[in-house]
Protein backbone atom coordinates (compact mmCIF):
# COMPACT_ATOMS: atom_id res chain seq x y z
CA MET A 1 90.95 134.06 116.51
CA THR A 2 90.89 134.25 120.32
CA ALA A 3 92.12 137.57 121.71
CA GLN A 4 95.26 137.51 123.77
CA PRO A 5 94.32 138.10 127.42
CA LEU A 6 95.72 141.08 129.25
CA SER A 7 98.81 140.36 131.30
CA GLY A 8 98.93 141.25 134.97
CA GLU A 9 101.10 144.25 134.11
CA GLU A 10 98.66 145.42 131.46
CA SER A 11 95.69 145.00 133.79
CA LYS A 12 97.47 147.04 136.44
CA VAL A 13 98.09 149.92 134.04
CA CYS A 14 94.51 149.81 132.76
CA ALA A 15 93.18 150.00 136.32
CA ALA A 16 95.36 153.05 136.94
CA ILE A 17 93.85 154.73 133.89
CA GLU A 18 90.31 153.96 135.03
CA ARG A 19 91.06 155.66 138.33
CA ARG A 20 91.98 158.77 136.37
CA ALA A 21 88.57 159.14 134.71
CA GLU A 22 87.50 162.21 136.71
CA ARG A 23 90.83 163.91 136.28
CA MET A 24 90.75 163.23 132.55
CA LEU A 25 87.43 165.04 132.27
CA ALA A 26 88.77 167.92 134.37
CA ASP A 27 91.88 168.12 132.16
CA LEU A 28 89.74 168.10 129.05
CA ARG A 29 87.59 170.92 130.38
CA ARG A 30 90.64 173.01 131.21
CA TYR A 31 92.34 172.41 127.87
CA VAL A 32 89.20 173.13 125.83
CA GLU A 33 88.83 176.48 127.56
CA ILE A 34 92.32 177.56 126.43
CA PRO A 35 91.96 179.27 123.02
CA THR A 36 94.63 177.82 120.73
CA GLY A 37 93.20 178.59 117.30
CA HIS A 38 94.39 181.05 114.64
CA ASN A 39 97.96 181.14 116.00
CA HIS A 40 96.77 182.67 119.28
CA SER A 41 100.14 182.86 120.98
CA ALA A 42 98.95 183.37 124.55
CA GLY A 43 96.74 180.29 124.45
CA LEU A 44 99.31 178.16 122.66
CA ASP A 45 101.97 179.17 125.16
CA GLU A 46 99.68 178.29 128.07
CA GLN A 47 98.71 174.90 126.63
CA ARG A 48 102.32 174.12 125.73
CA GLY A 49 103.44 174.96 129.25
CA LEU A 50 100.83 172.68 130.79
CA VAL A 51 101.83 169.62 128.78
CA VAL A 52 105.53 170.21 129.35
CA GLU A 53 104.87 170.48 133.08
CA ARG A 54 102.93 167.19 133.08
CA LEU A 55 105.69 165.35 131.25
CA ALA A 56 108.46 166.93 133.34
CA ALA A 57 106.79 165.33 136.37
CA LEU A 58 107.50 161.99 134.65
CA GLY A 59 111.18 162.89 134.28
CA ALA A 60 110.99 164.05 130.67
CA GLY A 61 113.29 166.74 129.36
CA ALA A 62 111.92 169.35 126.97
CA GLU A 63 113.47 171.07 123.97
CA SER A 64 111.88 174.01 122.20
CA VAL A 65 112.60 173.94 118.46
CA PRO A 66 112.18 177.30 116.69
CA GLY A 67 109.61 177.27 113.92
CA GLU A 68 110.28 177.88 110.24
CA ALA A 69 108.55 180.61 108.22
CA LYS A 70 105.83 179.49 105.82
CA PRO A 71 105.71 180.69 102.19
CA ASP A 72 104.57 184.30 102.20
CA TRP A 73 101.73 183.70 99.70
CA LEU A 74 99.90 181.19 101.91
CA LEU A 75 96.82 182.33 103.78
CA GLY A 76 97.75 183.42 107.27
CA ALA A 77 101.46 183.88 106.50
CA GLY A 78 102.97 186.58 108.68
CA GLU A 79 100.08 186.64 111.16
CA GLY A 80 101.66 186.71 114.59
CA PRO A 81 104.93 185.21 115.81
CA ILE A 82 106.08 181.84 114.52
CA PRO A 83 105.32 179.23 117.20
CA PRO A 84 107.96 176.73 118.33
CA THR A 85 107.62 172.96 118.40
CA VAL A 86 108.33 171.36 121.77
CA VAL A 87 109.96 167.93 121.97
CA CYS A 88 109.78 166.04 125.28
CA ARG A 89 111.94 162.95 125.83
CA SER A 90 111.58 160.35 128.55
CA GLY A 91 114.57 159.26 130.58
CA ALA A 92 114.72 155.96 128.68
CA ALA A 93 114.67 157.84 125.38
CA ARG A 94 117.52 160.08 126.48
CA ARG A 95 119.51 156.98 127.43
CA GLY A 96 119.05 155.63 123.92
CA GLU A 97 117.02 152.57 124.83
CA GLY A 98 114.71 151.05 122.22
CA PRO A 99 112.53 150.63 120.34
CA ARG A 100 112.10 154.37 120.07
CA VAL A 101 108.46 155.53 120.08
CA LEU A 102 107.45 158.94 118.74
CA LEU A 103 104.13 160.32 120.00
CA ALA A 104 102.71 163.36 118.22
CA SER A 105 99.88 165.76 119.05
CA HIS A 106 99.01 169.24 117.85
CA LEU A 107 98.04 172.00 120.25
CA ASP A 108 96.20 174.20 117.75
CA THR A 109 92.55 174.14 116.76
CA VAL A 110 90.61 175.89 113.98
CA PHE A 111 88.60 178.08 116.36
CA ALA A 112 89.27 181.80 116.75
CA PRO A 113 90.02 182.97 120.30
CA PRO A 114 87.96 185.63 122.09
CA PRO A 115 86.67 188.16 121.20
CA GLY A 116 86.21 186.69 117.72
CA GLY A 117 84.54 183.49 118.85
CA LYS A 118 81.65 182.39 121.05
CA PHE A 119 82.37 178.66 121.12
CA LEU A 120 84.68 178.74 124.12
CA SER A 121 84.08 176.00 126.66
CA LEU A 122 83.15 172.38 127.31
CA SER A 123 79.46 171.57 127.54
CA VAL A 124 78.63 168.08 128.84
CA ALA A 125 75.34 166.61 127.62
CA PRO A 126 72.76 165.31 130.11
CA GLY A 127 73.78 161.82 131.12
CA GLY A 128 77.47 162.59 130.69
CA ALA A 129 78.11 160.41 127.64
CA THR A 130 79.12 163.21 125.26
CA ALA A 131 80.40 166.75 125.38
CA VAL A 132 80.72 169.61 122.90
CA GLY A 133 83.52 172.16 122.73
CA PRO A 134 86.19 173.79 120.54
CA GLY A 135 88.88 171.25 119.70
CA VAL A 136 87.38 168.75 122.14
CA VAL A 137 88.15 165.81 119.87
CA ASP A 138 90.60 167.43 117.44
CA MET A 139 92.68 167.05 119.38
CA LYS A 140 92.54 168.14 123.01
CA GLY A 141 90.92 164.83 123.87
CA GLY A 142 93.83 163.05 122.22
CA ILE A 143 96.34 164.95 124.35
CA VAL A 144 94.46 163.99 127.51
CA ILE A 145 94.49 160.35 126.40
CA ALA A 146 98.23 160.23 125.77
CA LEU A 147 99.21 162.08 128.95
CA SER A 148 97.03 159.78 131.04
CA ALA A 149 98.47 156.64 129.41
CA LEU A 150 102.05 157.79 130.05
CA GLU A 151 101.26 158.71 133.66
CA ALA A 152 99.66 155.33 134.30
CA LEU A 153 102.72 153.55 132.89
CA ALA A 154 104.99 155.62 135.13
CA GLU A 155 102.78 154.89 138.15
CA ALA A 156 103.30 151.20 137.46
CA GLY A 157 107.06 151.72 137.37
CA ILE A 158 107.33 150.93 133.66
CA GLU A 159 109.88 152.81 131.57
CA ILE A 160 109.36 153.13 127.83
CA PRO A 161 111.67 155.13 125.54
CA TRP A 162 109.13 157.63 124.22
CA THR A 163 109.46 161.06 122.70
CA TYR A 164 106.41 163.31 122.59
CA VAL A 165 106.33 166.15 120.07
CA PHE A 166 103.77 168.97 120.24
CA ASN A 167 103.39 171.37 117.34
CA SER A 168 101.14 174.41 117.07
CA ASP A 169 100.28 174.65 113.38
CA GLU A 170 98.94 171.29 112.16
CA GLU A 171 95.61 172.83 111.19
CA THR A 172 97.38 175.25 108.83
CA GLY A 173 99.72 172.76 107.18
CA SER A 174 102.54 172.23 109.73
CA TYR A 175 104.81 174.59 107.80
CA HIS A 176 106.37 175.99 110.98
CA SER A 177 106.93 172.53 112.49
CA GLU A 178 107.59 170.38 109.43
CA ARG A 179 111.37 170.37 109.77
CA ALA A 180 111.16 169.36 113.44
CA LEU A 181 108.65 166.60 112.67
CA ARG A 182 110.82 165.17 109.91
CA ALA A 183 113.93 165.26 112.09
CA GLU A 184 112.19 163.35 114.89
CA ALA A 185 110.71 160.83 112.45
CA ARG A 186 114.21 159.93 111.29
CA ARG A 187 115.30 159.31 114.89
CA HIS A 188 112.49 156.91 115.82
CA ASP A 189 111.18 153.43 115.06
CA ILE A 190 107.42 153.83 115.66
CA GLY A 191 105.05 156.76 115.12
CA LEU A 192 101.79 157.17 117.07
CA ALA A 193 99.63 160.29 116.72
CA THR A 194 96.47 161.19 118.63
CA GLU A 195 94.25 162.44 115.83
CA PRO A 196 90.57 161.59 116.44
CA ALA A 197 89.41 158.06 115.78
CA LEU A 198 87.53 157.47 112.55
CA PRO A 199 83.86 156.38 112.62
CA GLY A 200 83.29 153.28 114.71
CA GLY A 201 86.56 153.86 116.53
CA GLY A 202 88.57 152.89 113.47
CA ILE A 203 92.13 153.84 112.65
CA ALA A 204 93.34 155.27 109.37
CA ILE A 205 95.75 152.99 107.58
CA GLU A 206 95.77 155.05 104.35
CA ARG A 207 95.44 158.79 103.75
CA LEU A 208 95.41 161.01 100.70
CA GLY A 209 98.15 163.58 100.34
CA SER A 210 97.52 167.32 100.30
CA GLY A 211 98.91 170.51 98.78
CA GLN A 212 98.20 174.22 98.65
CA PHE A 213 98.38 176.57 95.68
CA MET A 214 97.59 180.13 94.67
CA LEU A 215 96.65 181.56 91.29
CA GLU A 216 97.48 185.25 90.82
CA ALA A 217 96.07 186.96 87.75
CA ARG A 218 97.29 190.37 86.57
CA GLY A 219 95.51 192.68 84.15
CA SER A 220 95.22 196.38 83.45
CA SER A 221 92.79 198.66 85.28
CA ALA A 222 90.46 201.10 83.57
CA HIS A 223 87.29 203.08 84.23
CA VAL A 224 84.38 200.83 83.24
CA GLY A 225 82.25 203.58 81.71
CA ARG A 226 84.91 205.66 79.95
CA ASP A 227 87.68 203.20 79.00
CA PHE A 228 86.32 199.68 79.36
CA GLU A 229 87.95 198.48 76.15
CA LYS A 230 91.36 199.67 77.39
CA GLY A 231 91.16 197.50 80.49
CA VAL A 232 92.20 193.87 80.89
CA SER A 233 90.26 192.08 83.59
CA ALA A 234 92.34 190.02 86.00
CA VAL A 235 89.10 188.54 87.36
CA THR A 236 88.10 187.20 83.96
CA ALA A 237 91.55 185.68 83.49
CA LEU A 238 91.38 184.13 86.94
CA ALA A 239 87.90 182.76 86.28
CA ARG A 240 89.13 180.94 83.17
CA ALA A 241 91.99 179.43 85.18
CA ILE A 242 89.62 178.33 87.94
CA VAL A 243 87.43 176.50 85.43
CA ARG A 244 90.51 174.72 84.08
CA CYS A 245 91.50 173.75 87.63
CA ALA A 246 88.05 172.28 88.22
CA GLU A 247 88.52 170.08 85.16
CA ILE A 248 91.58 168.46 86.79
CA ALA A 249 89.47 166.92 89.56
CA ASP A 250 88.36 163.29 89.45
CA PRO A 251 86.84 162.42 92.84
CA GLY A 252 86.36 158.77 91.92
CA ALA A 253 90.12 158.43 91.50
CA GLY A 254 90.93 160.40 94.67
CA ARG A 255 92.02 163.43 92.60
CA LEU A 256 90.51 166.44 94.37
CA VAL A 257 90.95 170.12 93.49
CA ASN A 258 89.16 172.84 95.43
CA ILE A 259 89.25 176.62 95.01
CA GLY A 260 88.45 179.15 97.70
CA PRO A 261 88.78 181.86 98.87
CA ILE A 262 89.03 184.41 96.04
CA SER A 263 89.98 188.09 96.27
CA SER A 264 90.10 191.15 94.03
CA ASN A 265 89.41 194.89 94.28
CA ASP A 266 86.16 196.01 95.90
CA ALA A 267 84.84 198.43 93.26
CA THR A 268 82.48 197.33 90.50
CA ASN A 269 83.16 200.33 88.23
CA VAL A 270 86.87 199.57 87.79
CA VAL A 271 88.26 196.86 85.52
CA PRO A 272 90.30 194.85 88.07
CA ASP A 273 94.04 194.57 87.52
CA LEU A 274 94.67 191.96 90.23
CA ALA A 275 92.81 188.86 91.36
CA LYS A 276 93.90 185.90 93.49
CA ALA A 277 92.50 182.50 94.34
CA TRP A 278 93.80 179.96 96.82
CA GLY A 279 93.20 176.25 96.47
CA ASN A 280 93.78 172.83 97.96
CA VAL A 281 94.44 169.51 96.26
CA ARG A 282 94.26 165.88 97.45
CA PHE A 283 95.88 162.88 95.79
CA PRO A 284 96.34 159.14 96.46
CA THR A 285 99.83 158.62 95.00
CA ARG A 286 103.01 160.46 94.09
CA GLU A 287 102.19 159.94 90.41
CA VAL A 288 98.81 161.65 90.73
CA CYS A 289 100.41 164.41 92.80
CA ASP A 290 102.96 165.08 90.07
CA ASP A 291 100.28 165.08 87.39
CA ILE A 292 98.12 167.60 89.28
CA ALA A 293 101.17 169.78 89.87
CA ARG A 294 102.11 169.68 86.18
CA ARG A 295 98.60 170.62 85.08
CA ILE A 296 98.30 173.50 87.57
CA ASP A 297 101.77 174.78 86.64
CA ALA A 298 100.71 174.75 82.97
CA LEU A 299 98.18 177.50 83.73
CA ALA A 300 100.98 180.03 84.21
CA THR A 301 101.63 182.49 81.40
CA ALA A 302 104.81 184.06 80.08
CA GLU A 303 106.28 186.74 82.33
CA HIS A 304 104.97 189.79 80.45
CA ALA A 305 101.72 188.34 79.10
CA MET A 306 98.57 190.44 79.42
CA PRO A 307 96.58 189.17 81.11
CA GLY A 308 99.15 187.18 83.04
CA LEU A 309 98.84 184.34 85.50
CA ILE A 310 101.35 183.32 88.16
CA VAL A 311 101.10 179.93 89.92
CA ARG A 312 102.53 179.34 93.36
CA ARG A 313 102.19 175.98 95.10
CA SER A 314 103.42 173.87 97.98
CA PHE A 315 102.53 170.18 98.05
CA ASN A 316 104.13 169.40 101.41
CA ARG A 317 102.06 166.45 102.67
CA ALA A 318 102.66 163.32 100.65
CA ALA A 319 100.03 160.60 100.37
CA LYS A 320 100.19 158.02 103.16
CA PRO A 321 99.73 154.59 101.57
CA LEU A 322 99.61 151.36 103.55
CA THR A 323 103.18 150.14 103.99
CA PRO A 324 104.35 146.82 105.47
CA GLY A 325 105.58 148.59 108.60
CA THR A 326 102.34 150.44 109.15
CA GLN A 327 100.38 147.23 108.49
CA ARG A 328 102.36 145.50 111.24
CA LEU A 329 101.84 148.41 113.60
CA ALA A 330 98.10 148.52 112.89
CA GLU A 331 97.84 144.78 113.57
CA GLU A 332 99.56 145.31 116.92
CA ALA A 333 97.03 148.01 117.75
CA ARG A 334 94.15 145.77 116.70
CA GLY A 335 95.47 142.96 118.91
CA ALA A 336 95.63 145.33 121.88
CA ALA A 337 92.08 146.51 121.17
CA GLU A 338 90.74 142.96 121.00
CA SER A 339 92.41 142.13 124.32
CA LEU A 340 90.39 145.01 125.76
CA GLY A 341 87.16 143.73 124.20
CA LEU A 342 87.14 146.38 121.49
CA SER A 343 87.02 146.30 117.71
CA LEU A 344 89.44 148.39 115.68
CA PRO A 345 88.36 148.76 112.04
CA PHE A 346 91.00 149.67 109.45
CA LEU A 347 89.80 152.54 107.25
CA LYS A 348 90.95 154.96 104.56
CA THR A 349 90.43 158.73 104.65
CA GLY A 350 90.90 161.78 102.48
CA GLY A 351 91.99 163.78 105.50
CA VAL A 352 95.64 164.59 106.08
CA CYS A 353 97.64 165.09 109.27
CA ASP A 354 101.18 165.01 110.62
CA GLY A 355 101.14 161.24 110.15
CA ASN A 356 101.60 161.92 106.42
CA ILE A 357 104.82 163.78 107.15
CA LEU A 358 106.15 161.22 109.63
CA GLN A 359 105.55 158.27 107.34
CA GLU A 360 107.08 160.05 104.34
CA GLU A 361 110.32 159.95 106.32
CA GLY A 362 110.03 156.16 106.53
CA LEU A 363 108.51 155.96 110.02
CA PRO A 364 105.71 153.36 110.37
CA THR A 365 102.88 155.49 111.75
CA ILE A 366 99.30 155.10 112.88
CA ASP A 367 97.72 158.44 113.59
CA THR A 368 94.13 158.03 114.78
CA LEU A 369 94.63 156.82 118.34
CA GLY A 370 92.72 159.73 119.82
CA ALA A 371 89.16 160.01 121.08
CA ARG A 372 85.93 159.05 119.34
CA GLY A 373 83.67 161.89 118.32
CA GLY A 374 82.64 163.99 115.36
CA GLY A 375 81.69 167.39 113.99
CA LEU A 376 85.36 168.29 113.56
CA HIS A 377 86.05 171.95 112.72
CA THR A 378 82.43 172.96 113.40
CA HIS A 379 80.59 174.47 116.36
CA GLN A 380 79.04 171.06 116.91
CA GLU A 381 82.39 169.33 117.53
CA TRP A 382 81.73 166.57 120.08
CA ILE A 383 83.45 163.77 121.94
CA GLU A 384 82.33 160.45 123.40
CA LEU A 385 83.55 160.92 126.95
CA PRO A 386 83.95 157.19 127.74
CA SER A 387 86.44 157.01 124.89
CA LEU A 388 88.94 158.99 126.98
CA VAL A 389 89.50 156.04 129.28
CA GLU A 390 88.97 153.48 126.53
CA ARG A 391 91.57 154.94 124.16
CA ALA A 392 94.05 155.68 126.96
CA ARG A 393 93.90 152.01 127.91
CA LEU A 394 94.39 151.05 124.27
CA LEU A 395 97.41 153.31 123.91
CA ALA A 396 98.98 152.09 127.14
CA VAL A 397 98.58 148.41 126.24
CA LEU A 398 99.92 149.07 122.76
CA LEU A 399 102.99 150.82 124.19
CA LEU A 400 103.61 147.88 126.50
CA ARG A 401 103.42 145.39 123.65
CA LEU A 402 105.62 147.45 121.35
CA ARG A 403 108.59 146.94 123.66
CA GLY A 404 109.45 143.90 121.56
CA TRP A 405 109.05 145.70 118.22
CA ARG A 406 111.73 145.08 115.64
CA PRO A 407 111.82 147.99 113.21
CA PRO A 408 111.43 147.13 109.51
CA ASP A 409 114.09 148.08 106.99
CA ARG A 410 113.51 151.77 106.20
CA ARG A 411 115.63 151.91 103.07
């Protein structure tokens, strides 16, 4: 099939993005150098302020939505203040024009801020084709792409009713921002997130779901040498439960169960009376999710059993199957890519993101419109620098073509 040629309007916007190439690299460098990992409030506040300032220059209003507390048993719960979610709305969005587009990006990364980390800045490879840095592709590059696309559209005098939501806890499950994300999903017709592109520049059209759980074993402590037989080891009880959890997994069916980390007391000459393990699950459907939940819940013992086992869990990111609405949206994105001389493979992934949450609320969502790169969550995280301009052009053309979108029935 012959690709639809770019219109004059689309070509004008793409040219404006190409002129921004140097600024995009400068923005990326600045953003990468802001530490936004591990709920580092100062860095998150700085990054949040910068994006709000950029969008305010386009006439967008900003609303700061207070975050919700996460369950107290989750790793990292209670560490630092709860970050807000900021929601920026264009003038056309505030006037209620349509179709209503929801853009989503997360400000946080997985990298600890100074002094705990050494991976702190952008390093461009010789030749300038790639660069390495903390969060460079997941997803500071995606933020640069979206801001540049919106600025180019505004420069061309084109108004689109977009809302842009920035949360600060996607890497830890979006517990603080989940309510805000769901509320915005219900208000919009189209969801577009700037998670990194999949290999080959592809977009994810299906994702597994994800959940967190904790196993807490209780026993009775005793001196190992004098009263070993009087003790009841919580570690042994936990180990048995972990083995049973491992038996739930079936990777070939997309049923994943992982345990780690594990904690207990730090003395070897005491029978441990408390041991905990945290885990993560992945699942392809609601039915598999419910089955995993049932089997993990079944590990719990009666209240006063000795040893005893308590199960706590939160499966807050549903699987993201391919829906008719998302299929239509992905085809629109592919058409825009082909008009730009690009391919856009459709892929599946076991990773999860805020797109899972948005689509669970009935919002057709594609969530891998960010930069190409790899090494996510490692000290080798890298970005293909030409993809900044390439993906900004793709996003801008897609936004232009979505002006005629007719939302599917969300019932």
